[in-house]
Amino acid sequence: KCQQFIFDLAADADEEILESFRHQFEPLHQHISTIKDGTYRIKNIVSDLKTSTHFSQDDKKVVCITDMLSSTINLVSTNYKEFARIDSRFAYHPDIRCYPSKLNQVFVNLLVNAFDAIKQKHLQMPQTPEGLIVVASEAVARDGRQWVRLSVRDNGTGIDEAVKTRLFEPYFTTKGIGHGSGLGLSISREIVQAHGGDLSVASEFGQYCEFCILLPVEE
């Protein structure tokens, strides 16, 4: 609006003068764009940090973990149907006591990352095979306890070793400015660990990536 106001005032000026005005406004537009990107990134960081606060015991509920995961899949997949399909392979359906909204945030983060990896691969190589995300659950016995292992595996871009070693570091991201706070996986692991479990990753660059959540099942 400021630029248009100045040009309206200088409507009768020579074209050379008007061109000089335009040239002066170009770096200003670039700075404004940078400020907007930075502000968006700060907004995402603040939002992520809010989820890193201590949980209240009052928020704990007993839920069927695969029912909750299925609901999240239905919600997230709506925006990515053209890039991939999801194959749910649930072999174990335990009820667990958890913070549903917090675990749901973990599920959303892992699913969106999987879809993004497949989308990126298709944009780079349009002839690549159909995108596939396999979400599975299975029972695991460990240390005399019962656990549920939830996995999200995609056939997207994969992760190279250098990146994989830093994935769970706070503020580390491979996405451009304004497209990632670098806190998603860090906070996701923190949430899982707050439930007495763990979040891990396995990957082969260019082939696949698989995130695994291990959670204890109360008997």
N, C-alpha and C. Protein backbone atom coordinates (compact mmCIF):
# COMPACT_ATOMS: atom_id res chain seq x y z
N LYS A 1 0.83 -1.20 0.00
CA LYS A 1 0.00 0.00 0.00
C LYS A 1 0.86 1.25 0.00
N CYS A 2 1.96 1.22 0.75
CA CYS A 2 2.86 2.38 0.79
C CYS A 2 3.45 2.62 -0.60
N GLN A 3 3.86 1.53 -1.26
CA GLN A 3 4.44 1.65 -2.59
C GLN A 3 3.43 2.25 -3.56
N GLN A 4 2.18 1.75 -3.52
CA GLN A 4 1.16 2.26 -4.42
C GLN A 4 0.86 3.73 -4.16
N PHE A 5 0.89 4.11 -2.86
CA PHE A 5 0.64 5.50 -2.50
C PHE A 5 1.70 6.42 -3.12
N ILE A 6 2.95 6.00 -3.04
CA ILE A 6 4.05 6.80 -3.60
C ILE A 6 3.92 6.91 -5.11
N PHE A 7 3.58 5.78 -5.74
CA PHE A 7 3.44 5.81 -7.21
C PHE A 7 2.26 6.67 -7.64
N ASP A 8 1.21 6.69 -6.82
CA ASP A 8 0.06 7.56 -7.16
C ASP A 8 0.47 9.03 -7.08
N LEU A 9 1.29 9.37 -6.07
CA LEU A 9 1.75 10.76 -5.94
C LEU A 9 2.66 11.15 -7.09
N ALA A 10 3.43 10.16 -7.57
CA ALA A 10 4.41 10.45 -8.63
C ALA A 10 3.89 10.05 -10.01
N ALA A 11 2.57 10.02 -10.15
CA ALA A 11 1.98 9.54 -11.40
C ALA A 11 2.45 10.33 -12.61
N ASP A 12 2.75 11.62 -12.45
CA ASP A 12 3.14 12.47 -13.59
C ASP A 12 4.66 12.52 -13.77
N ALA A 13 5.41 11.79 -12.97
CA ALA A 13 6.87 11.83 -13.06
C ALA A 13 7.35 11.06 -14.29
N ASP A 14 8.62 11.33 -14.65
CA ASP A 14 9.22 10.63 -15.79
C ASP A 14 9.33 9.14 -15.50
N GLU A 15 9.30 8.35 -16.56
CA GLU A 15 9.41 6.89 -16.40
C GLU A 15 10.72 6.50 -15.75
N GLU A 16 11.76 7.26 -15.99
CA GLU A 16 13.07 6.97 -15.40
C GLU A 16 13.01 7.09 -13.87
N ILE A 17 12.28 8.10 -13.40
CA ILE A 17 12.13 8.29 -11.96
C ILE A 17 11.31 7.15 -11.36
N LEU A 18 10.23 6.76 -12.05
CA LEU A 18 9.37 5.68 -11.58
C LEU A 18 10.15 4.35 -11.51
N GLU A 19 11.00 4.16 -12.52
CA GLU A 19 11.80 2.93 -12.53
C GLU A 19 12.78 2.91 -11.37
N SER A 20 13.30 4.09 -11.02
CA SER A 20 14.21 4.19 -9.87
C SER A 20 13.48 3.84 -8.58
N PHE A 21 12.21 4.28 -8.46
CA PHE A 21 11.40 3.93 -7.29
C PHE A 21 11.21 2.41 -7.20
N ARG A 22 10.89 1.82 -8.35
CA ARG A 22 10.68 0.37 -8.36
C ARG A 22 11.94 -0.37 -7.92
N HIS A 23 13.06 0.10 -8.39
CA HIS A 23 14.33 -0.53 -8.04
C HIS A 23 14.60 -0.43 -6.53
N GLN A 24 14.23 0.69 -5.93
CA GLN A 24 14.45 0.89 -4.50
C GLN A 24 13.53 -0.01 -3.66
N PHE A 25 12.36 -0.34 -4.19
CA PHE A 25 11.41 -1.16 -3.43
C PHE A 25 11.74 -2.65 -3.47
N GLU A 26 12.53 -3.08 -4.45
CA GLU A 26 12.82 -4.52 -4.59
C GLU A 26 13.48 -5.11 -3.33
N PRO A 27 14.58 -4.50 -2.81
CA PRO A 27 15.16 -5.08 -1.58
C PRO A 27 14.22 -5.02 -0.38
N LEU A 28 13.34 -3.99 -0.35
CA LEU A 28 12.38 -3.88 0.74
C LEU A 28 11.43 -5.07 0.74
N HIS A 29 10.96 -5.46 -0.46
CA HIS A 29 10.08 -6.61 -0.57
C HIS A 29 10.79 -7.89 -0.11
N GLN A 30 12.06 -8.00 -0.46
CA GLN A 30 12.82 -9.18 -0.05
C GLN A 30 12.96 -9.26 1.46
N HIS A 31 13.21 -8.13 2.09
CA HIS A 31 13.33 -8.09 3.56
C HIS A 31 12.00 -8.44 4.22
N ILE A 32 10.92 -7.91 3.67
CA ILE A 32 9.59 -8.21 4.23
C ILE A 32 9.30 -9.69 4.13
N SER A 33 9.65 -10.29 3.00
CA SER A 33 9.44 -11.73 2.82
C SER A 33 10.24 -12.54 3.83
N THR A 34 11.48 -12.12 4.08
CA THR A 34 12.32 -12.80 5.06
C THR A 34 11.74 -12.69 6.46
N ILE A 35 11.23 -11.48 6.79
CA ILE A 35 10.61 -11.26 8.10
C ILE A 35 9.38 -12.15 8.28
N LYS A 36 8.57 -12.26 7.23
CA LYS A 36 7.37 -13.10 7.30
C LYS A 36 7.75 -14.56 7.54
N ASP A 37 8.77 -15.05 6.79
CA ASP A 37 9.21 -16.43 6.97
C ASP A 37 9.73 -16.67 8.38
N GLY A 38 10.49 -15.70 8.89
CA GLY A 38 11.03 -15.83 10.24
C GLY A 38 9.94 -15.83 11.29
N THR A 39 8.94 -14.97 11.09
CA THR A 39 7.82 -14.90 12.03
C THR A 39 7.03 -16.20 12.04
N TYR A 40 6.83 -16.77 10.86
CA TYR A 40 6.11 -18.04 10.76
C TYR A 40 6.87 -19.15 11.47
N ARG A 41 8.19 -19.14 11.32
CA ARG A 41 9.02 -20.15 11.97
C ARG A 41 8.96 -20.00 13.49
N ILE A 42 9.02 -18.76 13.97
CA ILE A 42 8.93 -18.51 15.42
C ILE A 42 7.58 -18.98 15.96
N LYS A 43 6.52 -18.74 15.20
CA LYS A 43 5.18 -19.18 15.60
C LYS A 43 5.15 -20.69 15.77
N ASN A 44 5.76 -21.42 14.82
CA ASN A 44 5.78 -22.87 14.89
C ASN A 44 6.60 -23.35 16.09
N ILE A 45 7.71 -22.68 16.35
CA ILE A 45 8.56 -23.08 17.48
C ILE A 45 7.81 -22.89 18.79
N VAL A 46 7.14 -21.74 18.94
CA VAL A 46 6.38 -21.48 20.16
C VAL A 46 5.28 -22.52 20.35
N SER A 47 4.60 -22.85 19.25
CA SER A 47 3.54 -23.86 19.31
C SER A 47 4.09 -25.21 19.74
N ASP A 48 5.25 -25.59 19.19
CA ASP A 48 5.87 -26.86 19.55
C ASP A 48 6.33 -26.87 21.01
N LEU A 49 6.88 -25.74 21.45
CA LEU A 49 7.36 -25.68 22.82
C LEU A 49 6.23 -25.82 23.83
N LYS A 50 5.05 -25.35 23.48
CA LYS A 50 3.91 -25.47 24.39
C LYS A 50 3.59 -26.93 24.69
N THR A 51 3.83 -27.80 23.69
CA THR A 51 3.52 -29.21 23.89
C THR A 51 4.57 -29.90 24.74
N SER A 52 5.66 -29.21 25.00
CA SER A 52 6.76 -29.81 25.75
C SER A 52 6.61 -29.59 27.26
N THR A 53 5.49 -29.02 27.69
CA THR A 53 5.27 -28.79 29.12
C THR A 53 4.92 -30.09 29.81
N HIS A 54 4.99 -30.10 31.15
CA HIS A 54 4.67 -31.30 31.92
C HIS A 54 3.20 -31.69 31.75
N PHE A 55 2.98 -32.98 31.73
CA PHE A 55 1.62 -33.48 31.55
C PHE A 55 0.90 -33.52 32.90
N SER A 56 -0.41 -33.40 32.84
CA SER A 56 -1.23 -33.52 34.04
C SER A 56 -1.79 -34.92 34.14
N GLN A 57 -1.72 -35.50 35.33
CA GLN A 57 -2.25 -36.85 35.52
C GLN A 57 -3.74 -36.91 35.19
N ASP A 58 -4.43 -35.77 35.33
CA ASP A 58 -5.86 -35.74 35.06
C ASP A 58 -6.18 -36.00 33.60
N ASP A 59 -5.19 -35.82 32.71
CA ASP A 59 -5.42 -35.99 31.29
C ASP A 59 -5.27 -37.44 30.83
N LYS A 60 -4.83 -38.31 31.71
CA LYS A 60 -4.60 -39.70 31.32
C LYS A 60 -5.93 -40.44 31.15
N LYS A 61 -5.99 -41.25 30.08
CA LYS A 61 -7.18 -42.05 29.82
C LYS A 61 -6.76 -43.43 29.31
N VAL A 62 -7.66 -44.39 29.43
CA VAL A 62 -7.43 -45.72 28.87
C VAL A 62 -8.09 -45.76 27.50
N VAL A 63 -7.29 -46.02 26.47
CA VAL A 63 -7.82 -46.05 25.10
C VAL A 63 -7.24 -47.26 24.36
N CYS A 64 -7.96 -47.68 23.33
CA CYS A 64 -7.42 -48.69 22.42
C CYS A 64 -6.47 -47.97 21.48
N ILE A 65 -5.20 -48.30 21.54
CA ILE A 65 -4.19 -47.53 20.81
C ILE A 65 -4.37 -47.60 19.30
N THR A 66 -4.82 -48.75 18.78
CA THR A 66 -4.99 -48.87 17.33
C THR A 66 -6.25 -48.14 16.85
N ASP A 67 -7.27 -48.04 17.70
CA ASP A 67 -8.45 -47.24 17.33
C ASP A 67 -8.05 -45.77 17.19
N MET A 68 -7.23 -45.30 18.12
CA MET A 68 -6.79 -43.91 18.07
C MET A 68 -5.91 -43.68 16.85
N LEU A 69 -5.03 -44.62 16.57
CA LEU A 69 -4.14 -44.49 15.42
C LEU A 69 -4.94 -44.52 14.12
N SER A 70 -5.97 -45.37 14.05
CA SER A 70 -6.81 -45.44 12.85
C SER A 70 -7.51 -44.11 12.59
N SER A 71 -7.99 -43.48 13.64
CA SER A 71 -8.65 -42.18 13.49
C SER A 71 -7.68 -41.13 12.96
N THR A 72 -6.46 -41.17 13.45
CA THR A 72 -5.44 -40.22 12.99
C THR A 72 -5.11 -40.46 11.52
N ILE A 73 -5.01 -41.71 11.13
CA ILE A 73 -4.74 -42.06 9.73
C ILE A 73 -5.82 -41.49 8.83
N ASN A 74 -7.08 -41.68 9.21
CA ASN A 74 -8.20 -41.17 8.40
C ASN A 74 -8.15 -39.66 8.26
N LEU A 75 -7.75 -39.00 9.32
CA LEU A 75 -7.70 -37.54 9.31
C LEU A 75 -6.57 -37.02 8.43
N VAL A 76 -5.37 -37.59 8.60
CA VAL A 76 -4.19 -37.09 7.89
C VAL A 76 -4.20 -37.47 6.42
N SER A 77 -4.62 -38.68 6.10
CA SER A 77 -4.51 -39.18 4.73
C SER A 77 -5.39 -38.42 3.74
N THR A 78 -6.41 -37.74 4.22
CA THR A 78 -7.32 -37.00 3.34
C THR A 78 -6.58 -36.00 2.46
N ASN A 79 -5.54 -35.37 3.00
CA ASN A 79 -4.82 -34.33 2.26
C ASN A 79 -3.71 -34.87 1.37
N TYR A 80 -3.46 -36.19 1.43
CA TYR A 80 -2.32 -36.74 0.68
C TYR A 80 -2.68 -37.92 -0.21
N LYS A 81 -3.97 -38.14 -0.47
CA LYS A 81 -4.40 -39.34 -1.19
C LYS A 81 -3.76 -39.48 -2.56
N GLU A 82 -3.44 -38.37 -3.21
CA GLU A 82 -2.89 -38.46 -4.57
C GLU A 82 -1.44 -38.94 -4.59
N PHE A 83 -0.76 -38.92 -3.43
CA PHE A 83 0.65 -39.30 -3.40
C PHE A 83 0.91 -40.69 -2.83
N ALA A 84 0.03 -41.18 -1.99
CA ALA A 84 0.31 -42.47 -1.35
C ALA A 84 -0.96 -43.08 -0.77
N ARG A 85 -0.89 -44.37 -0.56
CA ARG A 85 -1.97 -45.07 0.14
C ARG A 85 -1.40 -45.65 1.44
N ILE A 86 -2.27 -45.88 2.37
CA ILE A 86 -1.86 -46.43 3.66
C ILE A 86 -2.38 -47.85 3.81
N ASP A 87 -1.50 -48.74 4.23
CA ASP A 87 -1.85 -50.12 4.50
C ASP A 87 -1.72 -50.35 6.01
N SER A 88 -2.85 -50.53 6.69
CA SER A 88 -2.84 -50.75 8.14
C SER A 88 -2.76 -52.25 8.42
N ARG A 89 -1.75 -52.64 9.18
CA ARG A 89 -1.55 -54.04 9.52
C ARG A 89 -1.48 -54.19 11.04
N PHE A 90 -2.63 -54.15 11.65
CA PHE A 90 -2.70 -54.20 13.11
C PHE A 90 -2.90 -55.63 13.59
N ALA A 91 -1.89 -56.16 14.25
CA ALA A 91 -1.96 -57.52 14.78
C ALA A 91 -2.19 -57.53 16.29
N TYR A 92 -2.18 -56.37 16.90
CA TYR A 92 -2.31 -56.28 18.35
C TYR A 92 -3.08 -55.01 18.67
N HIS A 93 -4.12 -55.12 19.50
CA HIS A 93 -5.01 -53.99 19.77
C HIS A 93 -5.15 -53.75 21.28
N PRO A 94 -4.08 -53.39 21.94
CA PRO A 94 -4.15 -53.26 23.41
C PRO A 94 -4.78 -51.94 23.85
N ASP A 95 -5.39 -51.98 25.03
CA ASP A 95 -5.81 -50.76 25.70
C ASP A 95 -4.63 -50.28 26.54
N ILE A 96 -4.30 -49.01 26.44
CA ILE A 96 -3.21 -48.48 27.25
C ILE A 96 -3.65 -47.20 27.93
N ARG A 97 -3.04 -46.92 29.07
CA ARG A 97 -3.32 -45.67 29.78
C ARG A 97 -2.33 -44.63 29.28
N CYS A 98 -2.85 -43.55 28.71
CA CYS A 98 -1.96 -42.58 28.07
C CYS A 98 -2.58 -41.20 28.07
N TYR A 99 -1.84 -40.26 27.50
CA TYR A 99 -2.33 -38.91 27.24
C TYR A 99 -2.73 -38.89 25.75
N PRO A 100 -3.98 -39.15 25.41
CA PRO A 100 -4.38 -39.31 24.01
C PRO A 100 -3.97 -38.16 23.10
N SER A 101 -4.17 -36.92 23.54
CA SER A 101 -3.86 -35.79 22.66
C SER A 101 -2.36 -35.70 22.37
N LYS A 102 -1.53 -36.08 23.35
CA LYS A 102 -0.09 -36.03 23.15
C LYS A 102 0.37 -37.11 22.19
N LEU A 103 -0.11 -38.35 22.39
CA LEU A 103 0.26 -39.43 21.48
C LEU A 103 -0.28 -39.18 20.08
N ASN A 104 -1.46 -38.58 20.01
CA ASN A 104 -2.01 -38.26 18.70
C ASN A 104 -1.10 -37.29 17.95
N GLN A 105 -0.50 -36.36 18.67
CA GLN A 105 0.44 -35.43 18.05
C GLN A 105 1.63 -36.18 17.47
N VAL A 106 2.10 -37.20 18.17
CA VAL A 106 3.21 -38.02 17.67
C VAL A 106 2.79 -38.73 16.39
N PHE A 107 1.60 -39.33 16.40
CA PHE A 107 1.12 -40.05 15.22
C PHE A 107 1.00 -39.12 14.01
N VAL A 108 0.43 -37.94 14.24
CA VAL A 108 0.27 -36.97 13.15
C VAL A 108 1.64 -36.60 12.58
N ASN A 109 2.59 -36.33 13.46
CA ASN A 109 3.92 -35.91 13.02
C ASN A 109 4.58 -37.00 12.16
N LEU A 110 4.52 -38.25 12.61
CA LEU A 110 5.15 -39.33 11.87
C LEU A 110 4.46 -39.58 10.53
N LEU A 111 3.14 -39.51 10.51
CA LEU A 111 2.41 -39.73 9.26
C LEU A 111 2.66 -38.61 8.25
N VAL A 112 2.63 -37.38 8.72
CA VAL A 112 2.88 -36.24 7.82
C VAL A 112 4.30 -36.31 7.26
N ASN A 113 5.27 -36.67 8.11
CA ASN A 113 6.64 -36.82 7.63
C ASN A 113 6.73 -37.89 6.55
N ALA A 114 6.00 -39.00 6.74
CA ALA A 114 6.01 -40.08 5.76
C ALA A 114 5.41 -39.62 4.43
N PHE A 115 4.27 -38.95 4.51
CA PHE A 115 3.64 -38.44 3.30
C PHE A 115 4.54 -37.42 2.60
N ASP A 116 5.17 -36.54 3.37
CA ASP A 116 6.05 -35.53 2.78
C ASP A 116 7.23 -36.18 2.06
N ALA A 117 7.79 -37.25 2.64
CA ALA A 117 8.92 -37.94 2.02
C ALA A 117 8.51 -38.57 0.69
N ILE A 118 7.31 -39.15 0.65
CA ILE A 118 6.82 -39.75 -0.59
C ILE A 118 6.50 -38.67 -1.62
N LYS A 119 5.89 -37.59 -1.17
CA LYS A 119 5.57 -36.48 -2.08
C LYS A 119 6.84 -35.90 -2.69
N GLN A 120 7.86 -35.73 -1.88
CA GLN A 120 9.13 -35.19 -2.36
C GLN A 120 9.75 -36.13 -3.40
N LYS A 121 9.68 -37.43 -3.14
CA LYS A 121 10.24 -38.41 -4.07
C LYS A 121 9.51 -38.38 -5.41
N HIS A 122 8.18 -38.24 -5.36
CA HIS A 122 7.39 -38.20 -6.60
C HIS A 122 7.65 -36.91 -7.38
N LEU A 123 7.90 -35.82 -6.68
CA LEU A 123 8.21 -34.56 -7.38
C LEU A 123 9.57 -34.64 -8.05
N GLN A 124 10.50 -35.35 -7.42
CA GLN A 124 11.84 -35.51 -7.99
C GLN A 124 11.87 -36.55 -9.10
N MET A 125 11.09 -37.62 -8.91
CA MET A 125 11.06 -38.72 -9.88
C MET A 125 9.61 -39.12 -10.14
N PRO A 126 8.93 -38.44 -11.07
CA PRO A 126 7.51 -38.68 -11.32
C PRO A 126 7.17 -40.13 -11.68
N GLN A 127 8.12 -40.87 -12.22
CA GLN A 127 7.85 -42.25 -12.64
C GLN A 127 8.08 -43.26 -11.51
N THR A 128 8.34 -42.79 -10.30
CA THR A 128 8.59 -43.69 -9.19
C THR A 128 7.34 -44.51 -8.88
N PRO A 129 7.49 -45.73 -8.31
CA PRO A 129 6.32 -46.56 -7.98
C PRO A 129 5.37 -45.86 -7.00
N GLU A 130 4.19 -46.41 -6.88
CA GLU A 130 3.17 -45.83 -6.00
C GLU A 130 3.68 -45.67 -4.58
N GLY A 131 3.35 -44.55 -3.98
CA GLY A 131 3.74 -44.32 -2.60
C GLY A 131 2.96 -45.22 -1.66
N LEU A 132 3.64 -45.79 -0.69
CA LEU A 132 2.99 -46.71 0.24
C LEU A 132 3.50 -46.44 1.66
N ILE A 133 2.56 -46.33 2.59
CA ILE A 133 2.88 -46.20 4.00
C ILE A 133 2.25 -47.39 4.73
N VAL A 134 3.07 -48.16 5.39
CA VAL A 134 2.58 -49.30 6.16
C VAL A 134 2.60 -48.94 7.64
N VAL A 135 1.43 -48.99 8.26
CA VAL A 135 1.31 -48.71 9.68
C VAL A 135 0.93 -50.02 10.37
N ALA A 136 1.75 -50.45 11.32
CA ALA A 136 1.54 -51.77 11.93
C ALA A 136 1.61 -51.72 13.44
N SER A 137 1.01 -52.72 14.06
CA SER A 137 1.12 -52.90 15.51
C SER A 137 1.39 -54.38 15.79
N GLU A 138 2.20 -54.64 16.79
CA GLU A 138 2.48 -56.01 17.19
C GLU A 138 2.82 -56.06 18.66
N ALA A 139 2.61 -57.23 19.25
CA ALA A 139 2.92 -57.43 20.66
C ALA A 139 4.39 -57.77 20.82
N VAL A 140 5.01 -57.22 21.86
CA VAL A 140 6.42 -57.47 22.14
C VAL A 140 6.57 -57.77 23.63
N ALA A 141 7.27 -58.84 23.94
CA ALA A 141 7.56 -59.18 25.34
C ALA A 141 9.00 -58.79 25.63
N ARG A 142 9.20 -58.00 26.68
CA ARG A 142 10.55 -57.53 26.99
C ARG A 142 10.65 -57.25 28.49
N ASP A 143 11.73 -57.71 29.09
CA ASP A 143 11.99 -57.46 30.52
C ASP A 143 10.81 -57.91 31.40
N GLY A 144 10.18 -59.01 31.00
CA GLY A 144 9.08 -59.53 31.79
C GLY A 144 7.81 -58.72 31.70
N ARG A 145 7.74 -57.80 30.72
CA ARG A 145 6.56 -56.95 30.56
C ARG A 145 6.01 -57.08 29.15
N GLN A 146 4.77 -56.65 28.99
CA GLN A 146 4.13 -56.65 27.68
C GLN A 146 4.21 -55.24 27.09
N TRP A 147 4.57 -55.18 25.81
CA TRP A 147 4.70 -53.90 25.11
C TRP A 147 3.93 -53.96 23.79
N VAL A 148 3.62 -52.79 23.26
CA VAL A 148 3.08 -52.72 21.91
C VAL A 148 4.08 -51.94 21.06
N ARG A 149 4.36 -52.49 19.90
CA ARG A 149 5.28 -51.85 18.96
C ARG A 149 4.46 -51.31 17.79
N LEU A 150 4.48 -50.00 17.61
CA LEU A 150 3.78 -49.33 16.52
C LEU A 150 4.82 -48.82 15.52
N SER A 151 4.62 -49.10 14.25
CA SER A 151 5.60 -48.67 13.25
C SER A 151 4.92 -47.95 12.10
N VAL A 152 5.63 -46.95 11.57
CA VAL A 152 5.19 -46.19 10.39
C VAL A 152 6.33 -46.25 9.38
N ARG A 153 6.11 -46.99 8.29
CA ARG A 153 7.16 -47.20 7.29
C ARG A 153 6.70 -46.68 5.94
N ASP A 154 7.54 -45.88 5.29
CA ASP A 154 7.20 -45.33 3.97
C ASP A 154 8.29 -45.67 2.96
N ASN A 155 7.93 -45.63 1.68
CA ASN A 155 8.90 -45.88 0.62
C ASN A 155 9.27 -44.57 -0.08
N GLY A 156 9.48 -43.54 0.73
CA GLY A 156 9.83 -42.22 0.21
C GLY A 156 11.32 -42.04 -0.01
N THR A 157 11.80 -40.86 0.29
CA THR A 157 13.19 -40.50 -0.02
C THR A 157 14.20 -41.19 0.89
N GLY A 158 13.76 -41.65 2.07
CA GLY A 158 14.72 -42.22 3.01
C GLY A 158 15.58 -41.14 3.64
N ILE A 159 16.46 -41.55 4.55
CA ILE A 159 17.31 -40.60 5.28
C ILE A 159 18.74 -41.10 5.24
N ASP A 160 19.68 -40.22 4.90
CA ASP A 160 21.07 -40.67 4.90
C ASP A 160 21.61 -40.69 6.33
N GLU A 161 22.74 -41.35 6.51
CA GLU A 161 23.29 -41.59 7.85
C GLU A 161 23.60 -40.29 8.59
N ALA A 162 24.13 -39.31 7.88
CA ALA A 162 24.51 -38.05 8.53
C ALA A 162 23.29 -37.36 9.14
N VAL A 163 22.17 -37.41 8.42
CA VAL A 163 20.94 -36.78 8.91
C VAL A 163 20.31 -37.63 10.01
N LYS A 164 20.34 -38.95 9.83
CA LYS A 164 19.69 -39.85 10.78
C LYS A 164 20.24 -39.70 12.20
N THR A 165 21.52 -39.43 12.31
CA THR A 165 22.12 -39.30 13.64
C THR A 165 21.68 -38.03 14.36
N ARG A 166 21.08 -37.09 13.63
CA ARG A 166 20.69 -35.82 14.23
C ARG A 166 19.17 -35.61 14.26
N LEU A 167 18.41 -36.60 13.81
CA LEU A 167 16.97 -36.42 13.65
C LEU A 167 16.25 -35.95 14.91
N PHE A 168 16.68 -36.45 16.05
CA PHE A 168 15.97 -36.15 17.30
C PHE A 168 16.58 -34.98 18.05
N GLU A 169 17.52 -34.26 17.41
CA GLU A 169 18.08 -33.07 18.04
C GLU A 169 17.09 -31.92 17.96
N PRO A 170 16.89 -31.19 19.05
CA PRO A 170 16.00 -30.02 18.99
C PRO A 170 16.49 -29.01 17.97
N TYR A 171 15.56 -28.48 17.18
CA TYR A 171 15.79 -27.43 16.17
C TYR A 171 16.51 -27.93 14.92
N PHE A 172 16.83 -29.21 14.83
CA PHE A 172 17.44 -29.72 13.59
C PHE A 172 16.34 -30.03 12.59
N THR A 173 16.46 -29.48 11.38
CA THR A 173 15.48 -29.73 10.33
C THR A 173 16.14 -29.71 8.97
N THR A 174 15.60 -30.50 8.06
CA THR A 174 16.09 -30.50 6.68
C THR A 174 15.16 -29.69 5.78
N LYS A 175 14.11 -29.12 6.37
CA LYS A 175 13.15 -28.34 5.60
C LYS A 175 13.59 -26.89 5.53
N GLY A 176 13.05 -26.19 4.54
CA GLY A 176 13.42 -24.80 4.34
C GLY A 176 12.84 -23.89 5.41
N ILE A 177 13.27 -22.65 5.39
CA ILE A 177 12.80 -21.66 6.35
C ILE A 177 11.29 -21.51 6.24
N GLY A 178 10.63 -21.54 7.39
CA GLY A 178 9.19 -21.40 7.41
C GLY A 178 8.42 -22.69 7.22
N HIS A 179 9.14 -23.81 7.03
CA HIS A 179 8.47 -25.08 6.77
C HIS A 179 8.77 -26.13 7.81
N GLY A 180 9.41 -25.77 8.86
CA GLY A 180 9.69 -26.74 9.92
C GLY A 180 10.44 -26.08 11.06
N SER A 181 10.03 -26.39 12.29
CA SER A 181 10.67 -25.78 13.45
C SER A 181 11.86 -26.59 13.93
N GLY A 182 11.96 -27.86 13.48
CA GLY A 182 13.04 -28.71 13.96
C GLY A 182 12.76 -29.28 15.34
N LEU A 183 11.50 -29.17 15.79
CA LEU A 183 11.15 -29.68 17.12
C LEU A 183 10.19 -30.86 17.08
N GLY A 184 9.63 -31.15 15.92
CA GLY A 184 8.61 -32.19 15.82
C GLY A 184 9.06 -33.54 16.33
N LEU A 185 10.18 -34.04 15.83
CA LEU A 185 10.65 -35.37 16.24
C LEU A 185 11.23 -35.35 17.64
N SER A 186 11.88 -34.26 18.00
CA SER A 186 12.43 -34.14 19.35
C SER A 186 11.32 -34.22 20.39
N ILE A 187 10.25 -33.47 20.18
CA ILE A 187 9.14 -33.47 21.11
C ILE A 187 8.38 -34.79 21.04
N SER A 188 8.29 -35.38 19.86
CA SER A 188 7.62 -36.67 19.72
C SER A 188 8.33 -37.72 20.58
N ARG A 189 9.64 -37.74 20.53
CA ARG A 189 10.38 -38.71 21.35
C ARG A 189 10.16 -38.41 22.84
N GLU A 190 10.15 -37.13 23.19
CA GLU A 190 9.93 -36.75 24.59
C GLU A 190 8.57 -37.23 25.07
N ILE A 191 7.55 -37.10 24.22
CA ILE A 191 6.20 -37.54 24.58
C ILE A 191 6.17 -39.05 24.79
N VAL A 192 6.79 -39.79 23.87
CA VAL A 192 6.80 -41.25 23.99
C VAL A 192 7.56 -41.68 25.24
N GLN A 193 8.68 -41.03 25.52
CA GLN A 193 9.45 -41.37 26.71
C GLN A 193 8.68 -41.04 27.99
N ALA A 194 7.85 -40.00 27.95
CA ALA A 194 7.02 -39.66 29.11
C ALA A 194 6.00 -40.75 29.40
N HIS A 195 5.72 -41.59 28.39
CA HIS A 195 4.82 -42.73 28.56
C HIS A 195 5.59 -44.00 28.93
N GLY A 196 6.87 -43.87 29.19
CA GLY A 196 7.69 -45.02 29.54
C GLY A 196 8.16 -45.82 28.35
N GLY A 197 8.04 -45.24 27.16
CA GLY A 197 8.43 -45.95 25.94
C GLY A 197 9.61 -45.31 25.23
N ASP A 198 9.74 -45.61 23.93
CA ASP A 198 10.85 -45.06 23.17
C ASP A 198 10.44 -44.90 21.71
N LEU A 199 11.09 -43.98 21.02
CA LEU A 199 10.87 -43.74 19.60
C LEU A 199 12.20 -43.88 18.88
N SER A 200 12.25 -44.72 17.84
CA SER A 200 13.49 -44.97 17.12
C SER A 200 13.24 -44.90 15.62
N VAL A 201 14.32 -44.88 14.84
CA VAL A 201 14.18 -44.79 13.38
C VAL A 201 15.18 -45.71 12.69
N ALA A 202 14.75 -46.29 11.58
CA ALA A 202 15.62 -47.08 10.70
C ALA A 202 15.35 -46.59 9.29
N SER A 203 16.40 -46.52 8.46
CA SER A 203 16.19 -45.98 7.12
C SER A 203 17.32 -46.38 6.19
N GLU A 204 16.99 -46.40 4.90
CA GLU A 204 17.99 -46.55 3.85
C GLU A 204 17.73 -45.45 2.84
N PHE A 205 18.74 -44.63 2.60
CA PHE A 205 18.57 -43.46 1.75
C PHE A 205 18.05 -43.86 0.36
N GLY A 206 16.98 -43.19 -0.06
CA GLY A 206 16.40 -43.45 -1.37
C GLY A 206 15.44 -44.62 -1.41
N GLN A 207 15.32 -45.36 -0.29
CA GLN A 207 14.50 -46.57 -0.30
C GLN A 207 13.33 -46.53 0.67
N TYR A 208 13.60 -46.30 1.93
CA TYR A 208 12.53 -46.34 2.92
C TYR A 208 12.93 -45.62 4.19
N CYS A 209 11.93 -45.38 5.03
CA CYS A 209 12.17 -44.86 6.38
C CYS A 209 11.10 -45.48 7.28
N GLU A 210 11.51 -45.92 8.46
CA GLU A 210 10.57 -46.53 9.39
C GLU A 210 10.80 -45.99 10.80
N PHE A 211 9.74 -45.41 11.36
CA PHE A 211 9.77 -44.97 12.75
C PHE A 211 9.02 -46.00 13.59
N CYS A 212 9.58 -46.32 14.74
CA CYS A 212 8.97 -47.32 15.62
C CYS A 212 8.73 -46.72 17.02
N ILE A 213 7.53 -46.90 17.51
CA ILE A 213 7.16 -46.47 18.86
C ILE A 213 6.97 -47.73 19.71
N LEU A 214 7.64 -47.76 20.83
CA LEU A 214 7.49 -48.88 21.77
C LEU A 214 6.85 -48.34 23.04
N LEU A 215 5.68 -48.90 23.40
CA LEU A 215 4.95 -48.41 24.58
C LEU A 215 4.60 -49.58 25.49
N PRO A 216 4.69 -49.37 26.80
CA PRO A 216 4.34 -50.44 27.75
C PRO A 216 2.82 -50.59 27.83
N VAL A 217 2.40 -51.84 28.01
CA VAL A 217 0.96 -52.14 28.15
C VAL A 217 0.71 -52.51 29.60
N GLU A 218 -0.21 -51.78 30.23
CA GLU A 218 -0.54 -52.08 31.62
C GLU A 218 -1.41 -53.32 31.68
N GLU A 219 -1.06 -54.26 32.56
CA GLU A 219 -1.82 -55.50 32.69
C GLU A 219 -2.81 -55.39 33.85
